[in-house]
Amino acid sequence: MGAITNHYKTLNINPTATQAEIKQAYRRLVKVLHPDSNKETAGHEQIIRLNAAYEVLGDPQRRHSYDRQFSQKSQQQKPDIRQSYRKQETGRDADEQIEQWLTKVYKPVNRMLTNILTPLKKEIDELSADPFDDELLGAFQNYLDTSRDFLKKAYGLFRSMPNPPNLAGVAAQFYYCLNHVSDGIEDLEMFTLNYDDHYLHTGQELFKIAGRLRREAQKELKIKT
């Protein structure tokens, strides 16, 4: 398998970037590299790489597929990262490590995802009675604010300790799930600002994808443990 281009590096963003941040980075670099804007920085090959990166990362589905491939390839090319984790865990029982990660990271993050994903249908059903009603819209906004708080805590827990090496796939699925939830909240927030149904539908779809990723992680966890 050949090397996989690092599209995140091309756009000069972090792998945790939201879809909005990806779009902003792309537009900024297009302006910088465009011949009409700056002939000194213009480069045909650079623009091709930039467009290729945005075609993948700008599409949530293609981005998810790319992230999985890139993660797998990176693990193959950089075993020293795995080794560093193993060195950190020297002397600790593997089962204890797994149990600690499940207790301190997986289970609480899973509960937070439940608090975000499960109420969405009820919240949208209530809002659909009259999206222009200030009280209903306020209640929906409170749900988004609460979800955003849960998401922030979930990210913090996820980064608080390294996942056990044999649960790397579970952790990756969970992380992709969190990213889709983040993008979904952003689109649902946009709906409250301009009442464009496109954002509402996109937000719901991103939450559905997040739910599927979560279920995949749960299935893999059962197999691993």
Protein backbone atom coordinates (compact mmCIF):
# COMPACT_ATOMS: atom_id res chain seq x y z
CA MET A 1 0.00 0.00 0.00
CA GLY A 2 1.45 3.36 -0.96
CA ALA A 3 1.74 6.39 1.24
CA ILE A 4 -1.45 8.25 2.05
CA THR A 5 -1.38 12.01 1.59
CA ASN A 6 -1.90 13.91 4.83
CA HIS A 7 -4.81 16.14 3.82
CA TYR A 8 -4.90 17.75 7.27
CA LYS A 9 -1.30 18.91 6.81
CA THR A 10 -2.18 20.21 3.35
CA LEU A 11 -4.92 22.39 4.84
CA ASN A 12 -2.78 23.23 7.90
CA ILE A 13 -5.44 22.07 10.37
CA ASN A 14 -5.73 19.55 13.18
CA PRO A 15 -7.46 16.17 12.65
CA THR A 16 -10.03 17.32 15.22
CA ALA A 17 -11.07 20.33 13.11
CA THR A 18 -14.79 20.86 12.57
CA GLN A 19 -16.31 20.99 9.10
CA ALA A 20 -16.60 24.76 9.42
CA GLU A 21 -12.90 25.05 10.29
CA ILE A 22 -12.01 22.87 7.30
CA LYS A 23 -14.02 25.12 4.99
CA GLN A 24 -12.43 28.27 6.46
CA ALA A 25 -8.92 26.84 6.06
CA TYR A 26 -9.61 25.85 2.46
CA ARG A 27 -10.98 29.26 1.53
CA ARG A 28 -8.06 31.02 3.21
CA LEU A 29 -5.46 28.94 1.37
CA VAL A 30 -7.25 29.24 -1.96
CA LYS A 31 -7.04 33.00 -1.61
CA VAL A 32 -3.35 32.85 -0.73
CA LEU A 33 -2.43 30.48 -3.55
CA HIS A 34 -4.61 31.96 -6.26
CA PRO A 35 -2.49 33.58 -9.02
CA ASP A 36 -4.67 36.70 -9.01
CA SER A 37 -4.03 37.20 -5.30
CA ASN A 38 -0.36 36.47 -4.98
CA LYS A 39 1.79 35.40 -7.91
CA GLU A 40 4.71 34.62 -5.63
CA THR A 41 2.86 31.95 -3.67
CA ALA A 42 0.82 30.62 -6.57
CA GLY A 43 1.52 27.04 -7.56
CA HIS A 44 -0.54 24.75 -9.79
CA GLU A 45 0.47 21.60 -7.92
CA GLN A 46 -0.27 23.21 -4.58
CA ILE A 47 -3.75 24.16 -5.71
CA ILE A 48 -4.35 20.62 -6.98
CA ARG A 49 -3.32 19.20 -3.59
CA LEU A 50 -5.47 21.76 -1.83
CA ASN A 51 -8.56 20.89 -3.89
CA ALA A 52 -7.94 17.16 -3.43
CA ALA A 53 -7.71 17.62 0.33
CA TYR A 54 -10.94 19.62 0.50
CA GLU A 55 -12.83 17.15 -1.70
CA VAL A 56 -12.12 14.48 0.92
CA LEU A 57 -12.25 16.39 4.21
CA GLY A 58 -15.13 18.62 3.15
CA ASP A 59 -17.40 15.57 2.83
CA PRO A 60 -18.16 13.99 6.26
CA GLN A 61 -18.59 10.50 4.79
CA ARG A 62 -15.38 10.60 2.74
CA ARG A 63 -13.55 12.16 5.66
CA HIS A 64 -14.59 9.30 7.94
CA SER A 65 -13.34 6.73 5.43
CA TYR A 66 -10.09 8.65 4.94
CA ASP A 67 -9.51 8.99 8.69
CA ARG A 68 -9.78 5.23 9.15
CA GLN A 69 -7.36 4.50 6.31
CA PHE A 70 -4.91 7.17 7.44
CA SER A 71 -5.01 5.94 11.04
CA GLN A 72 -4.34 2.35 10.00
CA LYS A 73 -1.49 3.37 7.69
CA SER A 74 0.06 5.63 10.33
CA GLN A 75 0.04 2.79 12.85
CA GLN A 76 1.84 0.56 10.33
CA GLN A 77 4.42 3.20 9.45
CA LYS A 78 5.05 4.43 13.00
CA PRO A 79 5.17 1.45 15.36
CA ASP A 80 7.37 3.53 17.68
CA ILE A 81 4.23 5.39 18.82
CA ARG A 82 2.72 2.11 19.91
CA GLN A 83 6.00 1.22 21.60
CA SER A 84 5.97 4.45 23.58
CA TYR A 85 2.52 3.62 24.91
CA ARG A 86 3.71 0.15 25.85
CA LYS A 87 6.69 1.60 27.70
CA GLN A 88 4.41 3.89 29.68
CA GLU A 89 2.39 0.89 30.74
CA THR A 90 5.37 -1.32 31.65
CA GLY A 91 4.74 -3.25 34.81
CA ARG A 92 0.98 -2.76 34.71
CA ASP A 93 -1.34 -5.62 34.11
CA ALA A 94 -3.04 -5.40 30.68
CA ASP A 95 -6.43 -6.33 32.11
CA GLU A 96 -6.13 -3.59 34.73
CA GLN A 97 -5.25 -1.08 32.03
CA ILE A 98 -8.32 -2.03 30.02
CA GLU A 99 -10.55 -1.86 33.07
CA GLN A 100 -9.28 1.59 34.01
CA TRP A 101 -9.83 2.92 30.50
CA LEU A 102 -13.32 1.47 30.36
CA THR A 103 -14.18 2.90 33.77
CA LYS A 104 -12.60 6.34 33.44
CA VAL A 105 -13.07 7.02 29.73
CA TYR A 106 -15.34 4.70 27.77
CA LYS A 107 -18.27 4.38 30.17
CA PRO A 108 -18.61 8.05 31.15
CA VAL A 109 -18.15 9.20 27.53
CA ASN A 110 -20.75 6.68 26.45
CA ARG A 111 -23.21 8.08 29.01
CA MET A 112 -22.56 11.61 27.75
CA LEU A 113 -23.23 10.50 24.18
CA THR A 114 -26.52 9.03 25.34
CA ASN A 115 -27.45 12.37 26.91
CA ILE A 116 -26.72 14.08 23.60
CA LEU A 117 -28.02 11.65 20.97
CA THR A 118 -31.13 10.21 22.62
CA PRO A 119 -33.08 13.46 23.22
CA LEU A 120 -32.64 14.81 19.66
CA LYS A 121 -35.80 13.33 18.15
CA LYS A 122 -37.97 14.55 21.04
CA GLU A 123 -36.37 18.00 20.95
CA ILE A 124 -36.94 18.37 17.19
CA ASP A 125 -40.52 17.06 17.45
CA GLU A 126 -41.28 19.68 20.08
CA LEU A 127 -39.60 22.44 18.09
CA SER A 128 -41.44 21.46 14.89
CA ALA A 129 -44.74 22.53 16.49
CA ASP A 130 -43.63 26.11 15.83
CA PRO A 131 -39.94 26.76 15.06
CA PHE A 132 -40.56 30.51 15.35
CA ASP A 133 -41.94 30.29 18.89
CA ASP A 134 -39.40 31.92 21.22
CA GLU A 135 -40.09 29.54 24.08
CA LEU A 136 -39.73 26.40 21.96
CA LEU A 137 -36.64 27.76 20.25
CA GLY A 138 -35.17 28.66 23.62
CA ALA A 139 -35.73 25.13 24.90
CA PHE A 140 -34.03 23.70 21.81
CA GLN A 141 -31.10 26.10 22.27
CA ASN A 142 -30.78 24.95 25.89
CA TYR A 143 -30.56 21.37 24.64
CA LEU A 144 -27.76 22.36 22.24
CA ASP A 145 -25.90 24.22 24.99
CA THR A 146 -26.18 21.23 27.31
CA SER A 147 -25.04 18.91 24.53
CA ARG A 148 -22.06 21.14 23.86
CA ASP A 149 -21.10 20.97 27.53
CA PHE A 150 -21.36 17.17 27.52
CA LEU A 151 -19.25 17.05 24.35
CA LYS A 152 -16.53 19.23 25.86
CA LYS A 153 -16.34 16.97 28.92
CA ALA A 154 -16.30 13.88 26.69
CA TYR A 155 -13.35 15.21 24.68
CA GLY A 156 -11.54 16.00 27.92
CA LEU A 157 -12.03 12.49 29.28
CA PHE A 158 -11.04 10.93 25.98
CA ARG A 159 -7.74 12.79 26.02
CA SER A 160 -7.10 12.21 29.72
CA MET A 161 -5.37 8.86 29.25
CA PRO A 162 -4.09 6.69 26.37
CA ASN A 163 -6.34 3.89 25.23
CA PRO A 164 -5.16 0.28 25.59
CA PRO A 165 -3.41 -0.79 22.34
CA ASN A 166 -5.81 -3.68 21.72
CA LEU A 167 -8.77 -1.29 21.97
CA ALA A 168 -7.37 1.21 19.46
CA GLY A 169 -10.18 0.43 17.01
CA VAL A 170 -12.85 1.03 19.65
CA ALA A 171 -11.22 4.32 20.65
CA ALA A 172 -10.97 5.45 17.01
CA GLN A 173 -14.65 4.76 16.37
CA PHE A 174 -15.58 6.64 19.53
CA TYR A 175 -13.43 9.61 18.52
CA TYR A 176 -15.01 9.76 15.05
CA CYS A 177 -18.37 9.61 16.77
CA LEU A 178 -17.52 12.65 18.90
CA ASN A 179 -16.37 14.56 15.81
CA HIS A 180 -19.66 13.90 14.01
CA VAL A 181 -21.61 14.97 17.09
CA SER A 182 -19.60 18.20 17.16
CA ASP A 183 -20.37 18.90 13.49
CA GLY A 184 -24.03 17.99 14.06
CA ILE A 185 -24.39 20.44 16.94
CA GLU A 186 -22.86 23.14 14.77
CA ASP A 187 -25.40 22.57 11.98
CA LEU A 188 -28.32 22.44 14.40
CA GLU A 189 -27.08 25.73 15.85
CA MET A 190 -27.05 27.23 12.36
CA PHE A 191 -30.70 26.24 11.96
CA THR A 192 -31.65 28.27 15.03
CA LEU A 193 -30.00 31.32 13.44
CA ASN A 194 -31.51 31.24 9.95
CA TYR A 195 -34.27 28.57 9.97
CA ASP A 196 -32.76 26.87 6.93
CA ASP A 197 -34.05 23.26 6.94
CA HIS A 198 -30.84 22.14 5.23
CA TYR A 199 -28.93 22.63 8.49
CA LEU A 200 -31.59 20.80 10.45
CA HIS A 201 -31.49 17.78 8.13
CA THR A 202 -27.68 17.79 8.00
CA GLY A 203 -27.47 17.96 11.78
CA GLN A 204 -29.83 15.00 12.12
CA GLU A 205 -27.86 13.01 9.55
CA LEU A 206 -24.56 13.69 11.34
CA PHE A 207 -26.13 12.48 14.60
CA LYS A 208 -27.29 9.30 12.82
CA ILE A 209 -23.75 8.67 11.58
CA ALA A 210 -22.46 9.30 15.11
CA GLY A 211 -24.95 6.76 16.44
CA ARG A 212 -23.79 4.17 13.92
CA LEU A 213 -20.14 4.74 14.81
CA ARG A 214 -21.01 4.35 18.46
CA ARG A 215 -22.77 1.04 17.81
CA GLU A 216 -19.77 -0.19 15.80
CA ALA A 217 -17.49 0.68 18.72
CA GLN A 218 -19.77 -1.18 21.12
CA LYS A 219 -19.78 -4.27 18.91
CA GLU A 220 -16.00 -4.26 18.57
CA LEU A 221 -15.66 -3.84 22.34
CA LYS A 222 -17.73 -6.96 22.94
CA ILE A 223 -15.47 -8.90 20.58
CA LYS A 224 -12.27 -7.58 22.19
CA THR A 225 -13.37 -8.14 25.77
